[in-house]
N, C-alpha and C. Protein backbone atom coordinates (compact mmCIF):
# COMPACT_ATOMS: atom_id res chain seq x y z
N MET A 1 22.17 2.42 -47.68
CA MET A 1 21.51 3.18 -48.71
C MET A 1 21.25 2.30 -49.93
N THR A 2 22.00 1.20 -50.08
CA THR A 2 21.82 0.32 -51.23
C THR A 2 20.38 -0.22 -51.27
N GLY A 3 19.85 -0.59 -50.11
CA GLY A 3 18.47 -1.11 -50.08
C GLY A 3 17.46 -0.08 -50.57
N GLU A 4 17.67 1.18 -50.15
CA GLU A 4 16.77 2.25 -50.58
C GLU A 4 16.81 2.45 -52.09
N ILE A 5 18.02 2.38 -52.62
CA ILE A 5 18.19 2.56 -54.07
C ILE A 5 17.52 1.39 -54.80
N LEU A 6 17.71 0.18 -54.31
CA LEU A 6 17.06 -0.98 -54.92
C LEU A 6 15.53 -0.84 -54.91
N GLU A 7 14.95 -0.36 -53.81
CA GLU A 7 13.52 -0.16 -53.72
C GLU A 7 13.05 0.87 -54.76
N LEU A 8 13.80 1.94 -54.95
CA LEU A 8 13.46 2.92 -55.96
C LEU A 8 13.52 2.35 -57.35
N CYS A 9 14.51 1.47 -57.60
CA CYS A 9 14.62 0.81 -58.90
C CYS A 9 13.40 -0.09 -59.10
N ARG A 10 12.99 -0.79 -58.13
CA ARG A 10 11.79 -1.65 -58.26
C ARG A 10 10.57 -0.79 -58.57
N ALA A 11 10.49 0.37 -57.87
CA ALA A 11 9.33 1.25 -58.11
C ALA A 11 9.36 1.80 -59.58
N MET A 12 10.58 1.90 -60.12
CA MET A 12 10.69 2.36 -61.50
C MET A 12 10.45 1.23 -62.51
N GLY A 13 10.20 0.05 -62.01
CA GLY A 13 9.88 -1.07 -62.94
C GLY A 13 11.01 -2.05 -63.24
N ALA A 14 11.99 -2.12 -62.37
CA ALA A 14 13.07 -3.11 -62.56
C ALA A 14 12.49 -4.51 -62.52
N PRO A 15 12.81 -5.35 -63.50
CA PRO A 15 12.29 -6.70 -63.51
C PRO A 15 12.87 -7.56 -62.42
N GLU A 16 12.08 -8.42 -61.83
CA GLU A 16 12.51 -9.27 -60.72
C GLU A 16 13.61 -10.27 -61.14
N ASP A 17 13.56 -10.68 -62.41
CA ASP A 17 14.52 -11.67 -62.87
C ASP A 17 15.93 -11.12 -63.13
N ARG A 18 16.06 -9.79 -62.94
CA ARG A 18 17.41 -9.13 -63.11
C ARG A 18 17.96 -8.63 -61.83
N GLU A 19 17.44 -9.14 -60.69
CA GLU A 19 17.80 -8.66 -59.35
C GLU A 19 19.31 -8.73 -59.08
N GLU A 20 19.94 -9.85 -59.47
CA GLU A 20 21.35 -10.01 -59.18
C GLU A 20 22.20 -8.96 -59.93
N LEU A 21 21.89 -8.78 -61.19
CA LEU A 21 22.57 -7.77 -62.00
C LEU A 21 22.27 -6.37 -61.46
N LEU A 22 21.05 -6.12 -61.10
CA LEU A 22 20.64 -4.84 -60.56
C LEU A 22 21.45 -4.46 -59.32
N LEU A 23 21.62 -5.45 -58.43
CA LEU A 23 22.38 -5.21 -57.20
C LEU A 23 23.78 -4.79 -57.50
N LEU A 24 24.44 -5.49 -58.46
CA LEU A 24 25.81 -5.11 -58.86
C LEU A 24 25.83 -3.71 -59.46
N LEU A 25 24.87 -3.40 -60.28
CA LEU A 25 24.82 -2.02 -60.87
C LEU A 25 24.61 -0.97 -59.82
N VAL A 26 23.71 -1.21 -58.89
CA VAL A 26 23.45 -0.26 -57.84
C VAL A 26 24.67 0.00 -57.01
N ARG A 27 25.42 -1.02 -56.68
CA ARG A 27 26.63 -0.85 -55.89
C ARG A 27 27.70 -0.04 -56.68
N ALA A 28 27.81 -0.35 -57.97
CA ALA A 28 28.79 0.38 -58.80
C ALA A 28 28.39 1.85 -58.96
N VAL A 29 27.11 2.11 -59.18
CA VAL A 29 26.63 3.51 -59.35
C VAL A 29 26.77 4.27 -58.02
N GLU A 30 26.46 3.62 -56.94
CA GLU A 30 26.54 4.25 -55.63
C GLU A 30 27.97 4.66 -55.36
N LYS A 31 28.93 3.81 -55.68
CA LYS A 31 30.35 4.12 -55.44
C LYS A 31 30.80 5.25 -56.38
N ASP A 32 30.36 5.21 -57.65
CA ASP A 32 30.72 6.21 -58.63
C ASP A 32 30.16 7.62 -58.20
N LEU A 33 28.92 7.65 -57.83
CA LEU A 33 28.31 8.94 -57.42
C LEU A 33 28.98 9.47 -56.15
N ALA A 34 29.26 8.59 -55.22
CA ALA A 34 29.90 9.02 -53.97
C ALA A 34 31.25 9.65 -54.27
N GLY A 35 31.96 9.11 -55.28
CA GLY A 35 33.24 9.64 -55.68
C GLY A 35 33.15 11.00 -56.40
N ARG A 36 31.96 11.36 -56.88
CA ARG A 36 31.78 12.62 -57.57
C ARG A 36 31.43 13.77 -56.60
N LEU A 37 31.08 13.44 -55.38
CA LEU A 37 30.70 14.48 -54.44
C LEU A 37 31.89 15.30 -54.00
N LYS A 38 31.61 16.55 -53.65
CA LYS A 38 32.66 17.48 -53.17
C LYS A 38 33.29 16.83 -51.94
N ALA A 39 34.53 17.28 -51.69
CA ALA A 39 35.29 16.79 -50.53
C ALA A 39 34.51 17.11 -49.26
N GLY A 40 34.37 16.10 -48.40
CA GLY A 40 33.67 16.28 -47.13
C GLY A 40 32.15 16.04 -47.20
N VAL A 41 31.63 15.89 -48.39
CA VAL A 41 30.21 15.63 -48.56
C VAL A 41 29.98 14.12 -48.65
N LYS A 42 29.02 13.64 -47.85
CA LYS A 42 28.71 12.23 -47.84
C LYS A 42 27.33 12.03 -48.55
N PRO A 43 27.08 10.85 -49.11
CA PRO A 43 25.79 10.63 -49.77
C PRO A 43 24.57 11.00 -48.89
N GLU A 44 24.67 10.75 -47.58
CA GLU A 44 23.59 11.07 -46.70
C GLU A 44 23.27 12.60 -46.62
N ASP A 45 24.28 13.39 -46.93
CA ASP A 45 24.12 14.86 -46.88
C ASP A 45 23.22 15.37 -48.03
N CYS A 46 23.04 14.50 -49.05
CA CYS A 46 22.29 14.91 -50.27
C CYS A 46 20.78 14.63 -50.09
N GLY A 47 20.38 14.13 -48.96
CA GLY A 47 18.95 13.82 -48.76
C GLY A 47 18.46 12.77 -49.72
N SER A 48 17.27 12.96 -50.23
CA SER A 48 16.67 11.98 -51.15
C SER A 48 17.22 12.09 -52.59
N ALA A 49 17.98 13.15 -52.86
CA ALA A 49 18.52 13.33 -54.24
C ALA A 49 19.56 12.22 -54.56
N PHE A 50 20.33 11.80 -53.60
CA PHE A 50 21.35 10.79 -53.89
C PHE A 50 20.76 9.42 -54.25
N PRO A 51 19.85 8.86 -53.42
CA PRO A 51 19.29 7.59 -53.83
C PRO A 51 18.48 7.62 -55.09
N LEU A 52 17.77 8.76 -55.35
CA LEU A 52 17.01 8.90 -56.56
C LEU A 52 17.92 8.94 -57.75
N ALA A 53 18.95 9.75 -57.71
CA ALA A 53 19.93 9.83 -58.83
C ALA A 53 20.56 8.49 -59.08
N ALA A 54 20.94 7.78 -58.00
CA ALA A 54 21.57 6.46 -58.11
C ALA A 54 20.62 5.48 -58.75
N ALA A 55 19.37 5.51 -58.38
CA ALA A 55 18.40 4.59 -58.96
C ALA A 55 18.16 4.88 -60.42
N MET A 56 18.13 6.13 -60.78
CA MET A 56 17.95 6.52 -62.20
C MET A 56 19.13 6.01 -63.04
N LEU A 57 20.35 6.15 -62.51
CA LEU A 57 21.55 5.70 -63.25
C LEU A 57 21.62 4.16 -63.29
N ALA A 58 21.22 3.53 -62.23
CA ALA A 58 21.20 2.05 -62.22
C ALA A 58 20.21 1.52 -63.22
N MET A 59 19.01 2.11 -63.31
CA MET A 59 18.01 1.70 -64.27
C MET A 59 18.51 1.96 -65.69
N ASP A 60 19.21 3.06 -65.88
CA ASP A 60 19.79 3.36 -67.19
C ASP A 60 20.78 2.28 -67.57
N ALA A 61 21.65 1.89 -66.65
CA ALA A 61 22.64 0.84 -66.89
C ALA A 61 21.96 -0.51 -67.13
N LEU A 62 20.90 -0.79 -66.39
CA LEU A 62 20.16 -2.05 -66.57
C LEU A 62 19.56 -2.08 -67.96
N GLU A 63 18.95 -1.03 -68.42
CA GLU A 63 18.39 -1.00 -69.75
C GLU A 63 19.46 -1.09 -70.82
N GLY A 64 20.62 -0.45 -70.53
CA GLY A 64 21.73 -0.55 -71.47
C GLY A 64 22.27 -1.95 -71.58
N ALA A 65 22.30 -2.70 -70.46
CA ALA A 65 22.73 -4.09 -70.49
C ALA A 65 21.82 -4.99 -71.29
N ALA A 66 20.55 -4.56 -71.35
CA ALA A 66 19.54 -5.36 -72.12
C ALA A 66 19.43 -4.84 -73.54
N GLY A 67 20.24 -3.83 -73.88
CA GLY A 67 20.22 -3.28 -75.23
C GLY A 67 19.01 -2.38 -75.48
N GLY A 68 18.47 -1.77 -74.43
CA GLY A 68 17.22 -0.99 -74.55
C GLY A 68 17.43 0.53 -74.60
N LEU A 69 18.60 1.03 -74.86
CA LEU A 69 18.77 2.49 -74.76
C LEU A 69 18.67 3.17 -76.14
N GLU A 70 18.73 2.40 -77.18
CA GLU A 70 18.61 3.00 -78.49
C GLU A 70 17.17 2.89 -78.99
N GLU A 71 16.71 3.92 -79.62
CA GLU A 71 15.36 3.90 -80.19
C GLU A 71 15.44 4.15 -81.67
N VAL A 72 14.55 3.45 -82.42
CA VAL A 72 14.48 3.66 -83.83
C VAL A 72 13.80 5.01 -84.04
N THR A 73 14.51 5.95 -84.70
CA THR A 73 13.97 7.27 -84.89
C THR A 73 13.51 7.48 -86.32
N SER A 74 13.91 6.60 -87.22
CA SER A 74 13.54 6.74 -88.61
C SER A 74 13.56 5.38 -89.28
N PHE A 75 12.56 5.11 -90.12
CA PHE A 75 12.52 3.83 -90.80
C PHE A 75 11.93 4.11 -92.19
N THR A 76 12.64 3.65 -93.21
CA THR A 76 12.17 3.83 -94.62
C THR A 76 12.19 2.48 -95.27
N ALA A 77 11.09 2.09 -95.95
CA ALA A 77 11.02 0.79 -96.57
C ALA A 77 11.72 0.73 -97.96
N GLY A 78 11.55 1.77 -98.77
CA GLY A 78 12.24 1.77 -100.06
C GLY A 78 13.71 2.04 -99.87
N ASP A 79 14.59 1.16 -100.37
CA ASP A 79 16.03 1.22 -100.14
C ASP A 79 16.38 1.15 -98.65
N LEU A 80 15.57 0.50 -97.90
CA LEU A 80 15.71 0.23 -96.46
C LEU A 80 16.72 1.10 -95.72
N ILE A 81 16.24 2.04 -94.97
CA ILE A 81 17.10 2.91 -94.08
C ILE A 81 16.50 2.81 -92.73
N ILE A 82 17.32 2.45 -91.73
CA ILE A 82 16.86 2.43 -90.33
C ILE A 82 17.87 3.26 -89.55
N ARG A 83 17.35 4.21 -88.77
CA ARG A 83 18.24 5.05 -87.99
C ARG A 83 17.92 4.81 -86.48
N LYS A 84 18.97 4.62 -85.72
CA LYS A 84 18.82 4.49 -84.24
C LYS A 84 19.58 5.62 -83.59
N GLU A 85 18.97 6.12 -82.53
CA GLU A 85 19.63 7.18 -81.78
C GLU A 85 19.49 6.88 -80.29
N GLN A 86 20.28 7.54 -79.52
CA GLN A 86 20.17 7.37 -78.05
C GLN A 86 18.76 7.71 -77.64
N GLY A 87 18.20 6.88 -76.80
CA GLY A 87 16.86 7.10 -76.35
C GLY A 87 16.77 7.85 -75.06
N ARG A 88 15.80 7.56 -74.29
CA ARG A 88 15.55 8.33 -73.05
C ARG A 88 16.62 8.19 -71.99
N GLY A 89 17.44 7.17 -72.13
CA GLY A 89 18.49 6.94 -71.15
C GLY A 89 19.42 8.12 -70.92
N ARG A 90 19.82 8.77 -72.02
CA ARG A 90 20.74 9.91 -71.88
C ARG A 90 20.06 11.02 -71.08
N GLY A 91 18.82 11.29 -71.37
CA GLY A 91 18.11 12.32 -70.65
C GLY A 91 17.99 12.00 -69.18
N ARG A 92 17.75 10.73 -68.87
CA ARG A 92 17.62 10.33 -67.46
C ARG A 92 18.95 10.47 -66.81
N ARG A 93 20.07 10.11 -67.50
CA ARG A 93 21.40 10.27 -66.87
C ARG A 93 21.73 11.74 -66.60
N ASP A 94 21.41 12.60 -67.56
CA ASP A 94 21.66 14.04 -67.38
C ASP A 94 20.80 14.57 -66.20
N GLN A 95 19.57 14.11 -66.12
CA GLN A 95 18.72 14.57 -65.02
C GLN A 95 19.21 14.09 -63.67
N ALA A 96 19.70 12.89 -63.63
CA ALA A 96 20.24 12.35 -62.36
C ALA A 96 21.44 13.17 -61.91
N LEU A 97 22.33 13.44 -62.84
CA LEU A 97 23.52 14.27 -62.48
C LEU A 97 23.19 15.67 -62.11
N ARG A 98 22.11 16.23 -62.73
CA ARG A 98 21.67 17.61 -62.32
C ARG A 98 21.10 17.57 -60.89
N LEU A 99 20.46 16.47 -60.53
CA LEU A 99 19.94 16.38 -59.17
C LEU A 99 21.04 16.52 -58.11
N LEU A 100 22.20 15.97 -58.41
CA LEU A 100 23.32 16.06 -57.49
C LEU A 100 24.25 17.21 -57.64
N ALA A 101 23.95 18.08 -58.62
CA ALA A 101 24.85 19.21 -58.91
C ALA A 101 25.16 20.07 -57.67
N PRO A 102 24.24 20.32 -56.80
CA PRO A 102 24.59 21.18 -55.63
C PRO A 102 25.67 20.51 -54.75
N TRP A 103 25.77 19.16 -54.74
CA TRP A 103 26.76 18.49 -53.89
C TRP A 103 28.03 18.05 -54.68
N THR A 104 27.95 18.14 -55.99
CA THR A 104 29.14 17.75 -56.76
C THR A 104 29.91 18.99 -57.24
N GLY A 105 29.18 20.12 -57.29
CA GLY A 105 29.78 21.32 -57.81
C GLY A 105 29.79 21.38 -59.34
N ASN A 106 29.13 20.38 -59.95
CA ASN A 106 29.07 20.34 -61.40
C ASN A 106 27.81 21.01 -61.89
N THR A 107 27.96 22.24 -62.34
CA THR A 107 26.79 23.01 -62.80
C THR A 107 26.58 22.92 -64.28
N GLY A 108 27.52 22.25 -65.00
CA GLY A 108 27.39 22.18 -66.42
C GLY A 108 27.95 23.41 -67.13
N PHE A 109 28.55 24.34 -66.36
CA PHE A 109 29.08 25.54 -66.97
C PHE A 109 30.56 25.63 -66.57
N ALA A 110 31.38 26.01 -67.54
CA ALA A 110 32.80 26.17 -67.29
C ALA A 110 33.25 27.48 -67.95
N PHE A 111 33.97 28.29 -67.18
CA PHE A 111 34.49 29.54 -67.71
C PHE A 111 36.01 29.34 -67.86
N ARG A 112 36.52 29.53 -69.03
CA ARG A 112 37.92 29.35 -69.26
C ARG A 112 38.54 30.66 -69.70
N GLY A 113 39.59 31.04 -69.11
CA GLY A 113 40.27 32.27 -69.50
C GLY A 113 41.05 32.08 -70.79
N VAL A 114 41.13 33.15 -71.50
CA VAL A 114 41.88 33.14 -72.77
C VAL A 114 43.07 34.11 -72.62
N LYS A 115 44.23 33.59 -72.86
CA LYS A 115 45.41 34.44 -72.78
C LYS A 115 45.39 35.48 -73.90
N GLY A 116 45.66 36.72 -73.53
CA GLY A 116 45.60 37.84 -74.50
C GLY A 116 46.88 38.15 -75.20
């Protein structure tokens, strides 16, 4: 499945000169995501959602390694103020994890009882 994830990363615009780092990131993401799956569920059981989510997270990590996840959201010249916030990477990470929600059991909702 690593090869399929790498191909998706290339389709998403992964630079060729970062191939070695990308391979390490893909392997790490693949292992992490497989560990998040419900007991008895294998990555293959998730169909195309698993490699797509893994590629999205690997690309997020690759951009983070290059320092590309923060975006300037505000710039003022008088008394110089520059604000940086998390960029599109966080949204891509959230989207990737939502793709796998049916197989991880993580719906983003938790109900906690309160003792009376």
